Protein backbone atom coordinates (compact mmCIF):
# COMPACT_ATOMS: atom_id res chain seq x y z
CA MET A 1 7.53 18.67 14.98
CA ILE A 2 4.54 20.88 14.45
CA GLU A 3 5.27 24.71 13.72
CA PRO A 4 2.30 27.32 12.87
CA VAL A 5 2.35 28.38 8.68
CA ARG A 6 1.10 30.78 7.12
CA GLU A 7 -1.73 29.92 3.98
CA GLY A 8 -2.81 33.53 2.10
CA ASN A 9 -4.28 34.85 5.05
CA LYS A 10 -4.24 32.36 7.60
CA GLN A 11 -2.51 30.81 10.68
CA VAL A 12 -2.18 26.83 10.26
CA GLU A 13 -0.14 24.00 11.44
CA ARG A 14 2.19 21.94 9.53
CA ASP A 15 4.55 19.27 10.58
CA THR A 16 7.46 20.06 9.18
CA ASP A 17 8.98 16.80 10.08
CA GLU A 18 6.90 15.21 7.04
CA PRO A 19 9.56 15.71 3.78
CA GLU A 20 12.06 14.42 5.70
CA ARG A 21 9.94 11.17 7.04
CA LEU A 22 8.57 10.90 3.44
CA VAL A 23 12.72 10.90 2.61
CA ARG A 24 12.91 8.15 5.39
CA GLN A 25 10.37 6.11 3.51
CA SER A 26 11.60 6.04 0.29
CA ILE A 27 15.26 5.07 1.07
CA PHE A 28 13.05 1.80 3.04
CA ILE A 29 11.50 1.45 -0.19
CA LEU A 30 14.32 1.03 -2.01
CA LEU A 31 16.68 -1.13 0.20
CA CYS A 32 13.90 -3.64 1.41
CA ARG A 33 13.23 -4.00 -3.24
CA LYS A 34 17.38 -4.67 -2.79
CA ASN A 35 17.28 -6.71 0.23
CA ARG A 36 19.85 -4.10 1.84
CA PHE A 37 18.30 -3.36 5.27
CA ASP A 38 18.90 -3.23 9.07
CA MET A 39 17.11 -2.04 11.75
CA SER A 40 17.95 1.32 12.30
CA ASN A 41 16.26 1.81 8.39
CA PHE A 42 12.77 1.58 9.65
CA PRO A 43 11.00 5.20 8.74
CA TRP A 44 9.19 5.80 11.07
CA GLY A 45 11.99 5.82 13.55
CA HIS A 46 12.22 3.12 16.17
CA SER A 47 12.58 -0.76 16.70
CA LYS A 48 9.29 -1.88 16.36
CA ARG A 49 8.74 -4.35 13.03
CA TYR A 50 5.64 -2.24 12.49
CA ASN A 51 4.41 1.10 12.37
CA ASP A 52 2.73 0.76 15.68
CA PHE A 53 -0.31 4.58 16.57
CA SER A 54 0.22 4.25 19.95
CA THR A 55 4.29 5.59 19.27
CA TYR A 56 3.65 7.39 16.78
CA PHE A 57 0.55 9.22 18.68
CA ARG A 58 2.32 9.55 21.94
CA ALA A 59 4.98 11.17 20.13
CA LYS A 60 3.16 13.22 17.81
CA MET A 61 1.13 14.66 20.83
CA GLY A 62 3.42 15.24 23.05
CA GLY A 63 1.90 12.78 25.34
CA ARG A 64 -0.94 9.83 26.25
CA VAL A 65 -3.53 9.76 24.29
CA GLN A 66 -7.36 8.34 25.27
CA LYS A 67 -10.51 8.17 23.04
CA VAL A 68 -13.88 9.09 24.55
CA SER A 69 -16.89 7.48 22.79
CA VAL A 70 -20.17 9.50 21.96
CA ASP A 71 -23.12 7.88 20.96
CA ALA A 72 -24.63 11.02 19.39
CA GLY A 73 -27.93 8.86 18.22
CA PHE A 74 -27.05 8.82 14.60
CA THR A 75 -28.36 5.75 11.77
CA CYS A 76 -27.09 4.31 8.43
CA PRO A 77 -27.99 4.65 5.52
CA ASN A 78 -28.57 1.03 4.85
CA ARG A 79 -30.50 0.93 7.42
CA ASP A 80 -33.19 3.82 7.25
CA GLY A 81 -34.40 2.29 3.84
CA SER A 82 -32.30 4.89 1.55
CA ARG A 83 -29.55 2.36 0.69
CA GLY A 84 -30.89 -0.43 2.53
CA THR A 85 -32.76 -2.27 5.80
CA GLY A 86 -31.15 -4.29 8.38
CA GLY A 87 -28.05 -2.56 8.91
CA CYS A 88 -24.64 -4.61 7.82
CA ILE A 89 -25.00 -8.43 8.88
CA TYR A 90 -22.17 -8.61 11.67
CA CYS A 91 -23.20 -5.01 13.05
CA ASN A 92 -24.40 -5.24 16.24
CA ASN A 93 -23.11 -1.73 18.39
CA LYS A 94 -23.39 -2.19 22.02
CA THR A 95 -20.38 -5.09 21.48
CA PHE A 96 -17.61 -1.45 21.17
CA LYS A 97 -19.79 0.45 23.25
CA PRO A 98 -19.06 1.44 26.52
CA THR A 99 -21.17 2.08 29.71
CA TYR A 100 -20.31 5.95 30.10
CA CYS A 101 -21.55 6.58 26.25
CA ASN A 102 -25.48 6.53 27.35
CA LEU A 103 -27.92 8.07 24.39
CA GLN A 104 -30.08 9.35 27.09
CA ASN A 105 -27.25 11.93 28.10
CA SER A 106 -25.91 14.66 25.74
CA VAL A 107 -22.68 14.94 23.77
CA ALA A 108 -21.16 17.25 26.79
CA LYS A 109 -21.91 14.64 29.36
CA GLN A 110 -20.83 11.11 27.61
CA VAL A 111 -17.43 13.18 27.26
CA GLY A 112 -17.41 14.56 30.79
CA GLU A 113 -18.31 10.98 31.76
CA GLY A 114 -15.90 9.60 30.04
CA ILE A 115 -12.91 11.96 30.96
CA GLU A 116 -13.88 10.92 34.51
CA PHE A 117 -13.67 7.11 33.58
CA PHE A 118 -10.12 7.55 32.75
CA ALA A 119 -8.52 10.32 34.70
CA ARG A 120 -8.90 7.53 37.08
CA LYS A 121 -5.66 5.65 35.84
CA TYR A 122 -4.47 8.49 34.19
CA GLU A 123 -4.38 12.26 35.92
CA ALA A 124 -2.13 14.04 32.89
CA MET A 125 -4.01 13.00 29.62
CA LYS A 126 -5.30 14.22 26.97
CA TYR A 127 -8.85 13.02 24.99
CA LEU A 128 -10.73 13.33 21.23
CA ALA A 129 -13.96 12.32 21.26
CA TYR A 130 -14.73 9.26 19.58
CA PHE A 131 -18.32 9.69 18.01
CA GLN A 132 -18.49 6.25 17.15
CA ALA A 133 -21.65 4.49 17.03
CA TYR A 134 -23.13 3.98 13.65
CA THR A 135 -22.54 6.95 10.96
CA ASN A 136 -21.15 10.03 12.28
CA THR A 137 -21.57 12.48 9.21
CA TYR A 138 -25.46 11.13 8.44
CA ALA A 139 -26.88 14.28 9.36
CA PRO A 140 -27.49 18.02 8.25
CA LEU A 141 -23.98 19.58 8.27
CA GLU A 142 -25.89 22.23 10.51
CA ASN A 143 -26.64 19.35 13.59
CA LEU A 144 -23.04 18.21 12.64
CA LYS A 145 -21.83 20.87 13.36
CA ALA A 146 -23.22 21.51 16.82
CA LEU A 147 -22.53 18.30 18.01
CA TYR A 148 -19.24 18.25 16.97
CA GLU A 149 -18.74 21.94 18.71
CA GLU A 150 -20.25 19.93 21.76
CA ALA A 151 -17.79 18.25 22.34
CA LEU A 152 -14.80 20.52 21.46
CA GLN A 153 -16.34 22.35 24.23
CA HIS A 154 -14.45 20.49 26.90
CA PRO A 155 -11.31 22.26 27.48
CA LYS A 156 -9.82 18.60 28.29
CA ILE A 157 -10.23 17.42 24.71
CA ILE A 158 -8.05 18.25 21.95
CA GLY A 159 -9.63 16.93 18.57
CA LEU A 160 -12.68 14.64 17.14
CA VAL A 161 -12.34 11.12 16.01
CA LEU A 162 -15.73 10.40 13.55
CA ALA A 163 -16.34 7.25 12.31
CA THR A 164 -18.18 7.28 9.74
CA ARG A 165 -19.09 5.70 6.09
CA PRO A 166 -17.59 6.55 2.39
CA ASP A 167 -20.90 7.12 0.95
CA CYS A 168 -22.33 9.73 3.62
CA VAL A 169 -19.27 12.23 3.47
CA SER A 170 -20.33 15.74 1.07
CA ASP A 171 -18.25 18.03 -0.60
CA GLU A 172 -20.44 20.70 1.94
CA ILE A 173 -19.49 18.53 5.25
CA LEU A 174 -15.88 17.94 3.95
CA ASP A 175 -15.28 21.09 3.54
CA TYR A 176 -16.10 22.31 7.14
CA LEU A 177 -13.97 19.43 8.55
CA GLN A 178 -11.32 21.09 6.69
CA GLU A 179 -11.35 24.82 7.94
CA LEU A 180 -11.97 22.34 11.51
CA SER A 181 -8.71 20.81 11.21
CA GLU A 182 -6.87 23.99 10.87
CA ARG A 183 -7.49 24.02 14.43
CA VAL A 184 -7.80 20.72 16.19
CA TYR A 185 -7.08 17.37 15.48
CA VAL A 186 -9.73 15.98 12.85
CA MET A 187 -9.68 11.88 11.70
CA VAL A 188 -12.30 10.48 9.78
CA GLU A 189 -12.70 6.77 10.17
CA TYR A 190 -13.94 4.90 6.99
CA GLY A 191 -15.54 1.88 7.41
CA LEU A 192 -14.54 0.06 4.25
CA GLU A 193 -14.78 -3.41 5.45
CA SER A 194 -13.33 -4.77 1.87
CA HIS A 195 -11.87 -4.13 -1.01
CA LYS A 196 -14.43 -6.36 -2.93
CA ASN A 197 -17.83 -5.02 -4.60
CA GLU A 198 -19.19 -8.78 -4.38
CA THR A 199 -18.39 -8.77 -0.86
CA LEU A 200 -19.47 -5.18 0.21
CA ASN A 201 -23.42 -7.03 -1.47
CA LEU A 202 -23.16 -10.14 0.64
CA ILE A 203 -22.97 -8.10 3.93
CA ASN A 204 -25.41 -5.08 2.43
CA ARG A 205 -23.13 -2.38 3.48
CA GLY A 206 -24.61 -0.26 0.41
CA HIS A 207 -21.97 1.36 -1.09
CA THR A 208 -19.07 0.60 -3.24
CA PHE A 209 -14.78 0.23 -3.01
CA ASP A 210 -15.23 2.75 -5.90
CA GLU A 211 -17.17 5.26 -3.19
CA SER A 212 -14.55 4.47 -0.47
CA VAL A 213 -12.07 5.69 -3.03
CA ARG A 214 -13.27 8.35 -4.01
CA ALA A 215 -13.68 9.47 0.26
CA ILE A 216 -10.58 9.26 1.52
CA GLU A 217 -9.01 10.97 -2.03
CA ALA A 218 -11.34 13.57 -1.28
CA THR A 219 -10.09 14.21 2.82
CA ALA A 220 -6.66 13.08 2.16
CA ASN A 221 -6.60 15.96 -0.66
CA ARG A 222 -8.20 18.45 1.97
CA ASN A 223 -5.33 17.62 4.69
CA ILE A 224 -7.23 16.00 6.76
CA HIS A 225 -6.23 12.43 8.62
CA THR A 226 -7.82 9.58 7.38
CA GLY A 227 -8.57 6.10 9.06
CA ALA A 228 -9.52 3.14 7.15
CA HIS A 229 -11.72 -0.44 8.99
CA LEU A 230 -11.55 -3.48 7.07
CA ILE A 231 -12.86 -6.96 8.88
CA LEU A 232 -10.20 -10.20 7.39
CA GLY A 233 -12.48 -13.60 6.87
CA LEU A 234 -15.75 -12.04 5.61
CA PRO A 235 -17.75 -14.58 4.19
CA GLY A 236 -16.98 -15.43 0.33
CA GLU A 237 -13.29 -14.31 0.24
CA THR A 238 -10.47 -16.27 0.43
CA TYR A 239 -6.65 -15.80 2.02
CA PRO A 240 -5.30 -14.10 -1.37
CA ASP A 241 -8.45 -12.03 -1.62
CA PHE A 242 -6.90 -10.33 1.85
CA LEU A 243 -3.02 -10.41 1.30
CA ASP A 244 -4.39 -8.21 -2.09
CA GLN A 245 -6.41 -6.00 0.24
CA ALA A 246 -3.10 -5.41 1.70
CA ARG A 247 -1.70 -4.00 -1.64
CA VAL A 248 -4.93 -2.47 -2.58
CA ILE A 249 -5.29 -0.12 0.72
CA SER A 250 -1.30 0.31 0.17
CA GLN A 251 -1.82 2.71 -3.20
CA LEU A 252 -4.71 4.53 -0.90
CA PRO A 253 -3.81 7.82 1.10
CA VAL A 254 -4.74 5.71 4.25
CA GLU A 255 -2.94 7.24 7.20
CA ASN A 256 -4.16 4.74 10.09
CA LEU A 257 -5.53 1.62 9.58
CA LYS A 258 -7.68 -1.11 12.02
CA LEU A 259 -7.82 -4.63 11.68
CA HIS A 260 -10.31 -7.09 13.07
CA GLN A 261 -11.13 -10.33 12.67
CA LEU A 262 -14.56 -11.39 11.31
CA GLN A 263 -16.40 -12.42 14.61
CA ILE A 264 -20.09 -13.53 15.40
CA HIS A 265 -22.27 -11.40 17.57
CA ARG A 266 -25.74 -12.51 19.14
CA ASP A 267 -28.26 -11.05 17.61
CA THR A 268 -26.98 -9.89 14.00
CA ARG A 269 -28.01 -11.13 10.95
CA LEU A 270 -24.93 -12.80 10.44
CA TYR A 271 -25.33 -14.70 13.36
CA HIS A 272 -28.67 -16.56 12.30
CA ASP A 273 -27.16 -17.28 9.48
CA TYR A 274 -24.09 -19.32 10.98
CA LYS A 275 -26.38 -21.48 13.03
CA LEU A 276 -28.07 -22.44 9.89
CA HIS A 277 -24.61 -22.70 7.86
CA PRO A 278 -21.95 -22.53 9.22
CA GLU A 279 -19.73 -24.31 6.78
CA LYS A 280 -20.07 -21.48 4.72
CA TYR A 281 -17.90 -19.39 7.46
CA LYS A 282 -14.17 -18.70 7.88
CA LEU A 283 -13.32 -18.09 11.59
CA PHE A 284 -9.64 -18.25 12.17
CA GLU A 285 -7.51 -20.17 15.17
CA ILE A 286 -5.18 -17.47 16.45
CA ASP A 287 -2.18 -18.24 15.16
CA GLU A 288 -3.79 -18.62 11.50
CA TYR A 289 -4.62 -15.40 12.01
CA VAL A 290 -1.04 -14.08 14.02
CA ASN A 291 0.45 -15.85 10.38
CA LEU A 292 -2.28 -13.76 8.32
CA VAL A 293 -0.95 -10.53 9.77
CA VAL A 294 2.30 -10.71 9.66
CA ASP A 295 1.09 -11.54 5.77
CA TYR A 296 -0.50 -8.38 5.21
CA LEU A 297 2.00 -6.53 7.04
CA GLU A 298 4.38 -7.97 4.50
CA LEU A 299 3.15 -6.39 1.96
CA LEU A 300 1.51 -3.07 3.49
CA ASN A 301 2.64 0.36 2.71
CA PRO A 302 5.42 1.21 5.13
CA ARG A 303 3.32 5.18 5.54
CA ILE A 304 -0.07 3.21 6.70
CA ILE A 305 0.39 3.68 11.00
CA VAL A 306 -1.15 0.21 11.83
CA GLU A 307 -3.70 1.12 15.56
CA ARG A 308 -5.22 -2.43 15.57
CA PHE A 309 -4.77 -6.03 14.79
CA VAL A 310 -8.18 -7.22 16.51
CA SER A 311 -11.60 -6.51 17.91
CA GLU A 312 -12.58 -7.83 21.45
CA SER A 313 -16.34 -7.48 22.11
CA PRO A 314 -18.28 -8.70 25.94
CA ALA A 315 -18.11 -12.35 26.26
CA GLY A 316 -22.12 -12.35 26.34
CA MET A 317 -22.13 -11.13 22.83
CA LEU A 318 -19.27 -13.03 21.38
CA VAL A 319 -20.28 -16.10 19.36
CA ALA A 320 -17.24 -17.32 17.77
CA PRO A 321 -14.24 -17.22 17.34
CA ASN A 322 -13.25 -17.21 20.90
CA TRP A 323 -9.70 -16.92 21.80
CA GLY A 324 -9.61 -15.89 25.62
CA ILE A 325 -6.22 -13.47 25.18
CA LYS A 326 -6.55 -9.17 25.64
CA ASN A 327 -5.82 -7.15 22.78
CA PHE A 328 -2.36 -6.56 24.32
CA GLU A 329 -1.73 -10.13 24.47
CA PHE A 330 -2.51 -10.73 20.21
CA VAL A 331 0.52 -7.67 19.86
CA ALA A 332 2.14 -9.44 21.67
CA ARG A 333 2.42 -12.73 19.26
CA VAL A 334 2.49 -10.82 16.25
CA GLU A 335 5.33 -8.71 17.18
CA ARG A 336 6.79 -12.15 18.42
CA ARG A 337 6.07 -14.31 15.13
CA LEU A 338 7.55 -10.90 12.82
CA LYS A 339 11.23 -11.35 14.61
CA GLU A 340 10.47 -15.31 14.86
CA ARG A 341 11.01 -14.89 10.23
CA ASN A 342 13.01 -11.74 10.36
CA THR A 343 10.61 -9.39 8.79
CA TRP A 344 8.47 -5.93 9.42
CA GLN A 345 5.83 -4.38 7.25
CA GLY A 346 5.98 -3.62 4.09
CA ARG A 347 9.45 -5.79 3.56
CA LEU A 348 7.61 -7.03 0.60
CA PHE A 349 5.36 -3.44 -0.48
CA GLN A 350 5.96 -3.57 -4.20
């Protein structure tokens, strides 16, 4: 339950159920290690075999919440020359930008049109402004404040999700987001992509994993919600690497996790290299990736909320792998495989 409490002269909201939730998690981990477990002991409080985002967030917010994407015209430091040029080798932002998200429109207009789009399906809904395209903290603080506050002016917007890079959050920006998080929901979603520096260099990220760790810890230390985005199947990485990634991420104060399979999109550097050297790339078949996700979940800290397993892309932009299934269909396969193997998130977490 969320209740107002006082910190000094400020009144802020704190989750009064948090201590109880942490106790449940500790008991759960102990039982898993001793192989004494039953379904009622899941620390996330329901019978799904993983800590899923939709159930958690609906309970936290008291109803359905939808993200509304915003393109505020940012770029990235590995595009503008400060940390490289050309951007990430796999990146084509058109693959996830909805039609209402038009850079020619103001932030306020994009938010309004996005809400109008979703309101046709669900009238009683709350919304988060999702600053999604490129690096959404990569600007002077005063510019960021103006953009974020513009989105928050809409009466149905209850908070912000800011997709960014771990090398693009200063103490000044985090201090501001800490203040902002005392009145609205704020999630900083970091594109980590890999825990291996060799891979980060290969895909032209322009930052190290040490920077990822520092950014996540600095954000969590300010009680700002943290998210992490990781890609499974990047060139040069192996199955043991993917499982090691689950172990490494489990030790960080990551609250939400997004995974997705490596995809080859048109008009990317990855696409051109794939055409020339397809033997370099290991693209998953569906069942193979389902099994990887289940293996990954077994090692994953049970407190981490899993927001996504796969990414969907427009058919005209996707080259491979073309599975031909929707996100919810893939989730159903994962849930079925977890049940078949009688396993769950965190079963092997150490």
